[in-house]
Amino acid sequence: MTISAVIFDLDGTVLDNEDEYGAAFGKVLRSLGKHVDKKYPHTQGIGVKENWPLLLSKYHIKTKRTVEELARATQDAYLQMLSEVTVKDGFEKFVKALKESGIQVALATSNAWWIVDEVKGELSLEGIFDIVTTGEEVTYNKPDPDIFILTAEKLGVERKDCLVIEDSRAGIEAAHRAGMKVVAISRDAEHARSLKEADLVIKGFRQLTSGALASL
């Protein structure tokens, strides 16, 4: 494929932070009287706010707290652990190579703009992305394709010329529905099996060689 732009997901893709988000959801669930032993009680890739109606239903939780309040509590718990979050190994070198090749770089995340701002400042990601699109900018979040379609429009490129880097089934489905190829980054063998619908599954950015990209 001809690649004019690479669109990155943020959480679990650019950032090694799924453990922290899992812990944040677990903390809020415990405050609601639910002790969940799953490392990742949430559905990855769909957004923090979007997770809460699913969790309330799944765990039969009755509460007067709104979805917005629960999402804010989750984000606050996550930010308390932000010092433990790191950028994925090889990301910066990969982005540098893309830019040197004249390929645009964008971020399309289901997360909220204020969280992205916090993260960019804390982890020195300012100025990395040509375009940033967040979940607030679309009516429907991943797995709907809207966020990737909008990002391609902002970049001024054809959808078929965009490569998406993701780490969730929701993100893979959204990218494919937008007409884009997808590379998925896995954290372990079990996670890799859940990403099998991607065009390529890798363990990290160092595997994204020119040869690997040419094979897409």
C-alpha atoms as a PDB file:
ATOM      1  CA  MET A   1       0.000   0.000   0.000  1.00  0.00           C
ATOM      2  CA  THR A   2       0.951   3.645  -0.416  1.00  0.00           C
ATOM      3  CA  ILE A   3       1.161   5.250   3.019  1.00  0.00           C
ATOM      4  CA  SER A   4       0.443   8.965   3.228  1.00  0.00           C
ATOM      5  CA  ALA A   5      -0.328   9.018   6.950  1.00  0.00           C
ATOM      6  CA  VAL A   6      -0.052   6.829  10.020  1.00  0.00           C
ATOM      7  CA  ILE A   7      -2.807   7.206  12.614  1.00  0.00           C
ATOM      8  CA  PHE A   8      -1.999   6.065  16.137  1.00  0.00           C
ATOM      9  CA  ASP A   9      -4.313   5.074  18.936  1.00  0.00           C
ATOM     10  CA  LEU A  10      -3.063   6.402  22.294  1.00  0.00           C
ATOM     11  CA  ASP A  11      -3.809   4.116  25.218  1.00  0.00           C
ATOM     12  CA  GLY A  12      -2.062   0.773  25.001  1.00  0.00           C
ATOM     13  CA  THR A  13      -0.559   1.718  21.630  1.00  0.00           C
ATOM     14  CA  VAL A  14       1.604   4.805  22.031  1.00  0.00           C
ATOM     15  CA  LEU A  15       1.466   4.469  25.809  1.00  0.00           C
ATOM     16  CA  ASP A  16       2.151   1.481  28.007  1.00  0.00           C
ATOM     17  CA  ASN A  17      -0.751   2.267  30.334  1.00  0.00           C
ATOM     18  CA  GLU A  18      -3.347  -0.510  30.199  1.00  0.00           C
ATOM     19  CA  ASP A  19      -2.344  -1.750  33.663  1.00  0.00           C
ATOM     20  CA  GLU A  20      -2.943   1.734  35.060  1.00  0.00           C
ATOM     21  CA  TYR A  21      -6.362   2.037  33.420  1.00  0.00           C
ATOM     22  CA  GLY A  22      -7.270  -1.458  34.610  1.00  0.00           C
ATOM     23  CA  ALA A  23      -6.339  -0.445  38.148  1.00  0.00           C
ATOM     24  CA  ALA A  24      -8.311   2.810  37.830  1.00  0.00           C
ATOM     25  CA  PHE A  25     -11.486   1.008  36.757  1.00  0.00           C
ATOM     26  CA  GLY A  26     -10.927  -1.520  39.558  1.00  0.00           C
ATOM     27  CA  LYS A  27     -10.602   1.256  42.137  1.00  0.00           C
ATOM     28  CA  VAL A  28     -13.902   2.860  41.122  1.00  0.00           C
ATOM     29  CA  LEU A  29     -15.650  -0.522  40.995  1.00  0.00           C
ATOM     30  CA  ARG A  30     -14.479  -1.198  44.552  1.00  0.00           C
ATOM     31  CA  SER A  31     -15.918   2.151  45.627  1.00  0.00           C
ATOM     32  CA  LEU A  32     -19.235   0.832  44.293  1.00  0.00           C
ATOM     33  CA  GLY A  33     -18.945  -2.338  46.361  1.00  0.00           C
ATOM     34  CA  LYS A  34     -17.665  -4.610  43.594  1.00  0.00           C
ATOM     35  CA  HIS A  35     -14.371  -6.416  44.084  1.00  0.00           C
ATOM     36  CA  VAL A  36     -13.316  -7.491  40.605  1.00  0.00           C
ATOM     37  CA  ASP A  37     -10.228  -9.666  40.305  1.00  0.00           C
ATOM     38  CA  LYS A  38      -9.816  -9.112  36.559  1.00  0.00           C
ATOM     39  CA  LYS A  39      -6.707  -7.144  35.618  1.00  0.00           C
ATOM     40  CA  TYR A  40      -8.673  -5.372  32.887  1.00  0.00           C
ATOM     41  CA  PRO A  41     -12.356  -5.173  33.910  1.00  0.00           C
ATOM     42  CA  HIS A  42     -13.110  -2.705  31.129  1.00  0.00           C
ATOM     43  CA  THR A  43     -13.510  -3.093  27.371  1.00  0.00           C
ATOM     44  CA  GLN A  44     -10.391  -1.665  25.800  1.00  0.00           C
ATOM     45  CA  GLY A  45     -10.524   0.864  22.999  1.00  0.00           C
ATOM     46  CA  ILE A  46     -14.069   2.189  23.350  1.00  0.00           C
ATOM     47  CA  GLY A  47     -13.469   5.032  25.802  1.00  0.00           C
ATOM     48  CA  VAL A  48     -13.745   5.504  29.571  1.00  0.00           C
ATOM     49  CA  LYS A  49     -17.225   7.043  29.646  1.00  0.00           C
ATOM     50  CA  GLU A  50     -18.529   4.463  27.167  1.00  0.00           C
ATOM     51  CA  ASN A  51     -17.381   1.655  29.469  1.00  0.00           C
ATOM     52  CA  TRP A  52     -19.491   2.624  32.434  1.00  0.00           C
ATOM     53  CA  PRO A  53     -22.988   1.732  31.147  1.00  0.00           C
ATOM     54  CA  LEU A  54     -21.554  -1.692  30.251  1.00  0.00           C
ATOM     55  CA  LEU A  55     -19.933  -2.146  33.666  1.00  0.00           C
ATOM     56  CA  LEU A  56     -23.043  -1.033  35.550  1.00  0.00           C
ATOM     57  CA  SER A  57     -25.068  -3.596  33.651  1.00  0.00           C
ATOM     58  CA  LYS A  58     -22.491  -6.388  33.808  1.00  0.00           C
ATOM     59  CA  TYR A  59     -21.975  -6.139  37.575  1.00  0.00           C
ATOM     60  CA  HIS A  60     -25.619  -5.251  38.384  1.00  0.00           C
ATOM     61  CA  ILE A  61     -24.581  -2.033  40.099  1.00  0.00           C
ATOM     62  CA  LYS A  62     -27.169   0.339  41.525  1.00  0.00           C
ATOM     63  CA  THR A  63     -25.818   3.834  42.137  1.00  0.00           C
ATOM     64  CA  LYS A  64     -26.912   7.449  42.124  1.00  0.00           C
ATOM     65  CA  ARG A  65     -23.602   8.444  40.557  1.00  0.00           C
ATOM     66  CA  THR A  66     -23.897   9.369  36.900  1.00  0.00           C
ATOM     67  CA  VAL A  67     -21.865   7.831  34.087  1.00  0.00           C
ATOM     68  CA  GLU A  68     -20.067  11.163  33.760  1.00  0.00           C
ATOM     69  CA  GLU A  69     -19.156  11.133  37.465  1.00  0.00           C
ATOM     70  CA  LEU A  70     -17.881   7.553  37.274  1.00  0.00           C
ATOM     71  CA  ALA A  71     -15.828   8.370  34.186  1.00  0.00           C
ATOM     72  CA  ARG A  72     -14.298  11.385  35.933  1.00  0.00           C
ATOM     73  CA  ALA A  73     -13.456   9.288  38.995  1.00  0.00           C
ATOM     74  CA  THR A  74     -11.771   6.734  36.735  1.00  0.00           C
ATOM     75  CA  GLN A  75      -9.750   9.409  34.953  1.00  0.00           C
ATOM     76  CA  ASP A  76      -8.726  10.986  38.271  1.00  0.00           C
ATOM     77  CA  ALA A  77      -7.562   7.579  39.540  1.00  0.00           C
ATOM     78  CA  TYR A  78      -5.609   7.070  36.314  1.00  0.00           C
ATOM     79  CA  LEU A  79      -3.920  10.467  36.534  1.00  0.00           C
ATOM     80  CA  GLN A  80      -2.749   9.623  40.054  1.00  0.00           C
ATOM     81  CA  MET A  81      -0.733   6.810  38.440  1.00  0.00           C
ATOM     82  CA  LEU A  82       0.498   8.824  35.457  1.00  0.00           C
ATOM     83  CA  SER A  83       4.076   8.835  36.770  1.00  0.00           C
ATOM     84  CA  GLU A  84       4.094   5.048  36.195  1.00  0.00           C
ATOM     85  CA  VAL A  85       3.032   5.358  32.534  1.00  0.00           C
ATOM     86  CA  THR A  86       5.685   5.197  29.809  1.00  0.00           C
ATOM     87  CA  VAL A  87       5.827   5.666  26.042  1.00  0.00           C
ATOM     88  CA  LYS A  88       6.141   2.351  24.203  1.00  0.00           C
ATOM     89  CA  ASP A  89       9.682   1.379  23.319  1.00  0.00           C
ATOM     90  CA  GLY A  90      10.602   2.283  19.738  1.00  0.00           C
ATOM     91  CA  PHE A  91       7.708   4.706  19.201  1.00  0.00           C
ATOM     92  CA  GLU A  92       9.783   7.877  18.923  1.00  0.00           C
ATOM     93  CA  LYS A  93      12.291   6.302  16.530  1.00  0.00           C
ATOM     94  CA  PHE A  94       9.447   4.984  14.356  1.00  0.00           C
ATOM     95  CA  VAL A  95       7.764   8.400  14.227  1.00  0.00           C
ATOM     96  CA  LYS A  96      11.066  10.075  13.341  1.00  0.00           C
ATOM     97  CA  ALA A  97      11.503   7.673  10.414  1.00  0.00           C
ATOM     98  CA  LEU A  98       7.950   8.358   9.213  1.00  0.00           C
ATOM     99  CA  LYS A  99       8.456  12.107   9.272  1.00  0.00           C
ATOM    100  CA  GLU A 100      11.775  11.830   7.458  1.00  0.00           C
ATOM    101  CA  SER A 101       9.884   9.923   4.736  1.00  0.00           C
ATOM    102  CA  GLY A 102       7.295  12.704   4.450  1.00  0.00           C
ATOM    103  CA  ILE A 103       4.524  10.658   6.057  1.00  0.00           C
ATOM    104  CA  GLN A 104       2.055  12.541   8.240  1.00  0.00           C
ATOM    105  CA  VAL A 105       1.474  11.390  11.824  1.00  0.00           C
ATOM    106  CA  ALA A 106      -1.859  11.646  13.636  1.00  0.00           C
ATOM    107  CA  LEU A 107      -3.454  10.593  16.905  1.00  0.00           C
ATOM    108  CA  ALA A 108      -7.031   9.265  17.044  1.00  0.00           C
ATOM    109  CA  THR A 109      -8.041   8.353  20.578  1.00  0.00           C
ATOM    110  CA  SER A 110     -11.337   7.493  22.238  1.00  0.00           C
ATOM    111  CA  ASN A 111     -10.037   9.315  25.298  1.00  0.00           C
ATOM    112  CA  ALA A 112     -10.917  12.862  26.325  1.00  0.00           C
ATOM    113  CA  TRP A 113      -9.067  15.966  25.176  1.00  0.00           C
ATOM    114  CA  TRP A 114      -8.138  17.091  28.699  1.00  0.00           C
ATOM    115  CA  ILE A 115      -6.539  13.718  29.400  1.00  0.00           C
ATOM    116  CA  VAL A 116      -4.588  13.872  26.129  1.00  0.00           C
ATOM    117  CA  ASP A 117      -3.298  17.318  27.109  1.00  0.00           C
ATOM    118  CA  GLU A 118      -2.186  16.028  30.522  1.00  0.00           C
ATOM    119  CA  VAL A 119      -0.446  13.049  28.957  1.00  0.00           C
ATOM    120  CA  LYS A 120       1.282  15.023  26.201  1.00  0.00           C
ATOM    121  CA  GLY A 121       2.728  17.419  28.753  1.00  0.00           C
ATOM    122  CA  GLU A 122       3.780  14.767  31.264  1.00  0.00           C
ATOM    123  CA  LEU A 123       5.341  12.389  28.726  1.00  0.00           C
ATOM    124  CA  SER A 124       6.947  14.932  26.370  1.00  0.00           C
ATOM    125  CA  LEU A 125       4.654  14.187  23.420  1.00  0.00           C
ATOM    126  CA  GLU A 126       4.027  17.819  22.527  1.00  0.00           C
ATOM    127  CA  GLY A 127       4.558  18.532  18.829  1.00  0.00           C
ATOM    128  CA  ILE A 128       4.720  14.854  17.850  1.00  0.00           C
ATOM    129  CA  PHE A 129       1.391  14.650  16.001  1.00  0.00           C
ATOM    130  CA  ASP A 130       0.318  16.711  12.997  1.00  0.00           C
ATOM    131  CA  ILE A 131      -3.329  16.144  13.909  1.00  0.00           C
ATOM    132  CA  VAL A 132      -5.091  15.003  17.115  1.00  0.00           C
ATOM    133  CA  THR A 133      -8.673  13.735  17.169  1.00  0.00           C
ATOM    134  CA  THR A 134     -10.426  12.766  20.415  1.00  0.00           C
ATOM    135  CA  GLY A 135     -13.645  10.996  21.268  1.00  0.00           C
ATOM    136  CA  GLU A 136     -15.530  14.237  21.899  1.00  0.00           C
ATOM    137  CA  GLU A 137     -15.273  15.146  18.217  1.00  0.00           C
ATOM    138  CA  VAL A 138     -17.418  12.281  16.948  1.00  0.00           C
ATOM    139  CA  THR A 139     -20.942  11.108  17.681  1.00  0.00           C
ATOM    140  CA  TYR A 140     -19.978   7.449  17.886  1.00  0.00           C
ATOM    141  CA  ASN A 141     -16.698   6.170  19.261  1.00  0.00           C
ATOM    142  CA  LYS A 142     -14.763   3.054  18.233  1.00  0.00           C
ATOM    143  CA  PRO A 143     -15.690   0.452  16.939  1.00  0.00           C
ATOM    144  CA  ASP A 144     -17.558   2.934  14.700  1.00  0.00           C
ATOM    145  CA  PRO A 145     -15.218   4.317  12.026  1.00  0.00           C
ATOM    146  CA  ASP A 146     -16.069   7.995  12.536  1.00  0.00           C
ATOM    147  CA  ILE A 147     -12.888   8.959  14.409  1.00  0.00           C
ATOM    148  CA  PHE A 148     -10.625   7.583  11.684  1.00  0.00           C
ATOM    149  CA  ILE A 149     -12.711   9.055   8.868  1.00  0.00           C
ATOM    150  CA  LEU A 150     -12.575  12.486  10.526  1.00  0.00           C
ATOM    151  CA  THR A 151      -8.823  12.201  11.092  1.00  0.00           C
ATOM    152  CA  ALA A 152      -8.201  11.395   7.414  1.00  0.00           C
ATOM    153  CA  GLU A 153     -10.303  14.415   6.452  1.00  0.00           C
ATOM    154  CA  LYS A 154      -8.280  16.646   8.776  1.00  0.00           C
ATOM    155  CA  LEU A 155      -5.058  15.323   7.274  1.00  0.00           C
ATOM    156  CA  GLY A 156      -6.346  15.828   3.744  1.00  0.00           C
ATOM    157  CA  VAL A 157      -5.499  12.287   2.648  1.00  0.00           C
ATOM    158  CA  GLU A 158      -7.417   9.374   1.158  1.00  0.00           C
ATOM    159  CA  ARG A 159      -8.586   6.813   3.691  1.00  0.00           C
ATOM    160  CA  LYS A 160      -7.006   3.962   1.728  1.00  0.00           C
ATOM    161  CA  ASP A 161      -3.625   5.659   2.120  1.00  0.00           C
ATOM    162  CA  CYS A 162      -3.840   5.694   5.939  1.00  0.00           C
ATOM    163  CA  LEU A 163      -2.273   3.049   8.138  1.00  0.00           C
ATOM    164  CA  VAL A 164      -3.678   2.683  11.641  1.00  0.00           C
ATOM    165  CA  ILE A 165      -1.700   1.427  14.647  1.00  0.00           C
ATOM    166  CA  GLU A 166      -3.992  -0.026  17.315  1.00  0.00           C
ATOM    167  CA  ASP A 167      -4.130  -2.412  20.265  1.00  0.00           C
ATOM    168  CA  SER A 168      -7.827  -3.278  20.595  1.00  0.00           C
ATOM    169  CA  ARG A 169     -10.474  -5.185  18.693  1.00  0.00           C
ATOM    170  CA  ALA A 170     -12.684  -2.090  18.731  1.00  0.00           C
ATOM    171  CA  GLY A 171      -9.926  -0.039  17.105  1.00  0.00           C
ATOM    172  CA  ILE A 172      -9.206  -2.685  14.491  1.00  0.00           C
ATOM    173  CA  GLU A 173     -12.877  -2.899  13.531  1.00  0.00           C
ATOM    174  CA  ALA A 174     -13.170   0.896  13.367  1.00  0.00           C
ATOM    175  CA  ALA A 175     -10.125   1.201  11.102  1.00  0.00           C
ATOM    176  CA  HIS A 176     -11.275  -1.534   8.738  1.00  0.00           C
ATOM    177  CA  ARG A 177     -14.746   0.015   8.528  1.00  0.00           C
ATOM    178  CA  ALA A 178     -13.013   3.281   7.578  1.00  0.00           C
ATOM    179  CA  GLY A 179     -11.237   1.453   4.731  1.00  0.00           C
ATOM    180  CA  MET A 180      -7.807   1.504   6.358  1.00  0.00           C
ATOM    181  CA  LYS A 181      -5.148  -1.146   6.961  1.00  0.00           C
ATOM    182  CA  VAL A 182      -4.309  -1.884  10.601  1.00  0.00           C
ATOM    183  CA  VAL A 183      -1.209  -2.985  12.464  1.00  0.00           C
ATOM    184  CA  ALA A 184      -1.961  -4.204  15.992  1.00  0.00           C
ATOM    185  CA  ILE A 185       0.485  -4.135  18.901  1.00  0.00           C
ATOM    186  CA  SER A 186       0.063  -6.990  21.386  1.00  0.00           C
ATOM    187  CA  ARG A 187       1.248  -7.181  24.989  1.00  0.00           C
ATOM    188  CA  ASP A 188       1.254 -10.996  25.212  1.00  0.00           C
ATOM    189  CA  ALA A 189       0.197 -14.135  23.334  1.00  0.00           C
ATOM    190  CA  GLU A 190      -3.370 -14.110  24.654  1.00  0.00           C
ATOM    191  CA  HIS A 191      -3.816 -10.472  23.663  1.00  0.00           C
ATOM    192  CA  ALA A 192      -2.313 -11.206  20.229  1.00  0.00           C
ATOM    193  CA  ARG A 193      -4.989 -13.852  19.593  1.00  0.00           C
ATOM    194  CA  SER A 194      -7.698 -11.269  20.248  1.00  0.00           C
ATOM    195  CA  LEU A 195      -6.141  -9.006  17.588  1.00  0.00           C
ATOM    196  CA  LYS A 196      -6.112 -11.566  14.782  1.00  0.00           C
ATOM    197  CA  GLU A 197      -8.402  -9.443  12.567  1.00  0.00           C
ATOM    198  CA  ALA A 198      -5.584  -6.913  12.096  1.00  0.00           C
ATOM    199  CA  ASP A 199      -3.572  -6.957   8.863  1.00  0.00           C
ATOM    200  CA  LEU A 200      -0.412  -7.466  10.905  1.00  0.00           C
ATOM    201  CA  VAL A 201       0.143  -8.214  14.605  1.00  0.00           C
ATOM    202  CA  ILE A 202       3.449  -7.233  16.193  1.00  0.00           C
ATOM    203  CA  LYS A 203       4.970  -7.185  19.674  1.00  0.00           C
ATOM    204  CA  GLY A 204       6.383  -3.675  19.445  1.00  0.00           C
ATOM    205  CA  PHE A 205       7.382  -0.754  17.239  1.00  0.00           C
ATOM    206  CA  ARG A 206      10.849  -2.165  16.595  1.00  0.00           C
ATOM    207  CA  GLN A 207       9.191  -4.817  14.429  1.00  0.00           C
ATOM    208  CA  LEU A 208       7.712  -2.158  12.135  1.00  0.00           C
ATOM    209  CA  THR A 209      10.498  -2.229   9.580  1.00  0.00           C
ATOM    210  CA  SER A 210      10.224  -0.946   6.016  1.00  0.00           C
ATOM    211  CA  GLY A 211       9.865  -4.555   4.914  1.00  0.00           C
ATOM    212  CA  ALA A 212       6.957  -5.162   7.269  1.00  0.00           C
ATOM    213  CA  LEU A 213       5.185  -2.034   6.027  1.00  0.00           C
ATOM    214  CA  ALA A 214       5.819  -2.984   2.404  1.00  0.00           C
ATOM    215  CA  SER A 215       4.074  -6.305   2.978  1.00  0.00           C
ATOM    216  CA  LEU A 216       0.750  -4.672   3.865  1.00  0.00           C
END
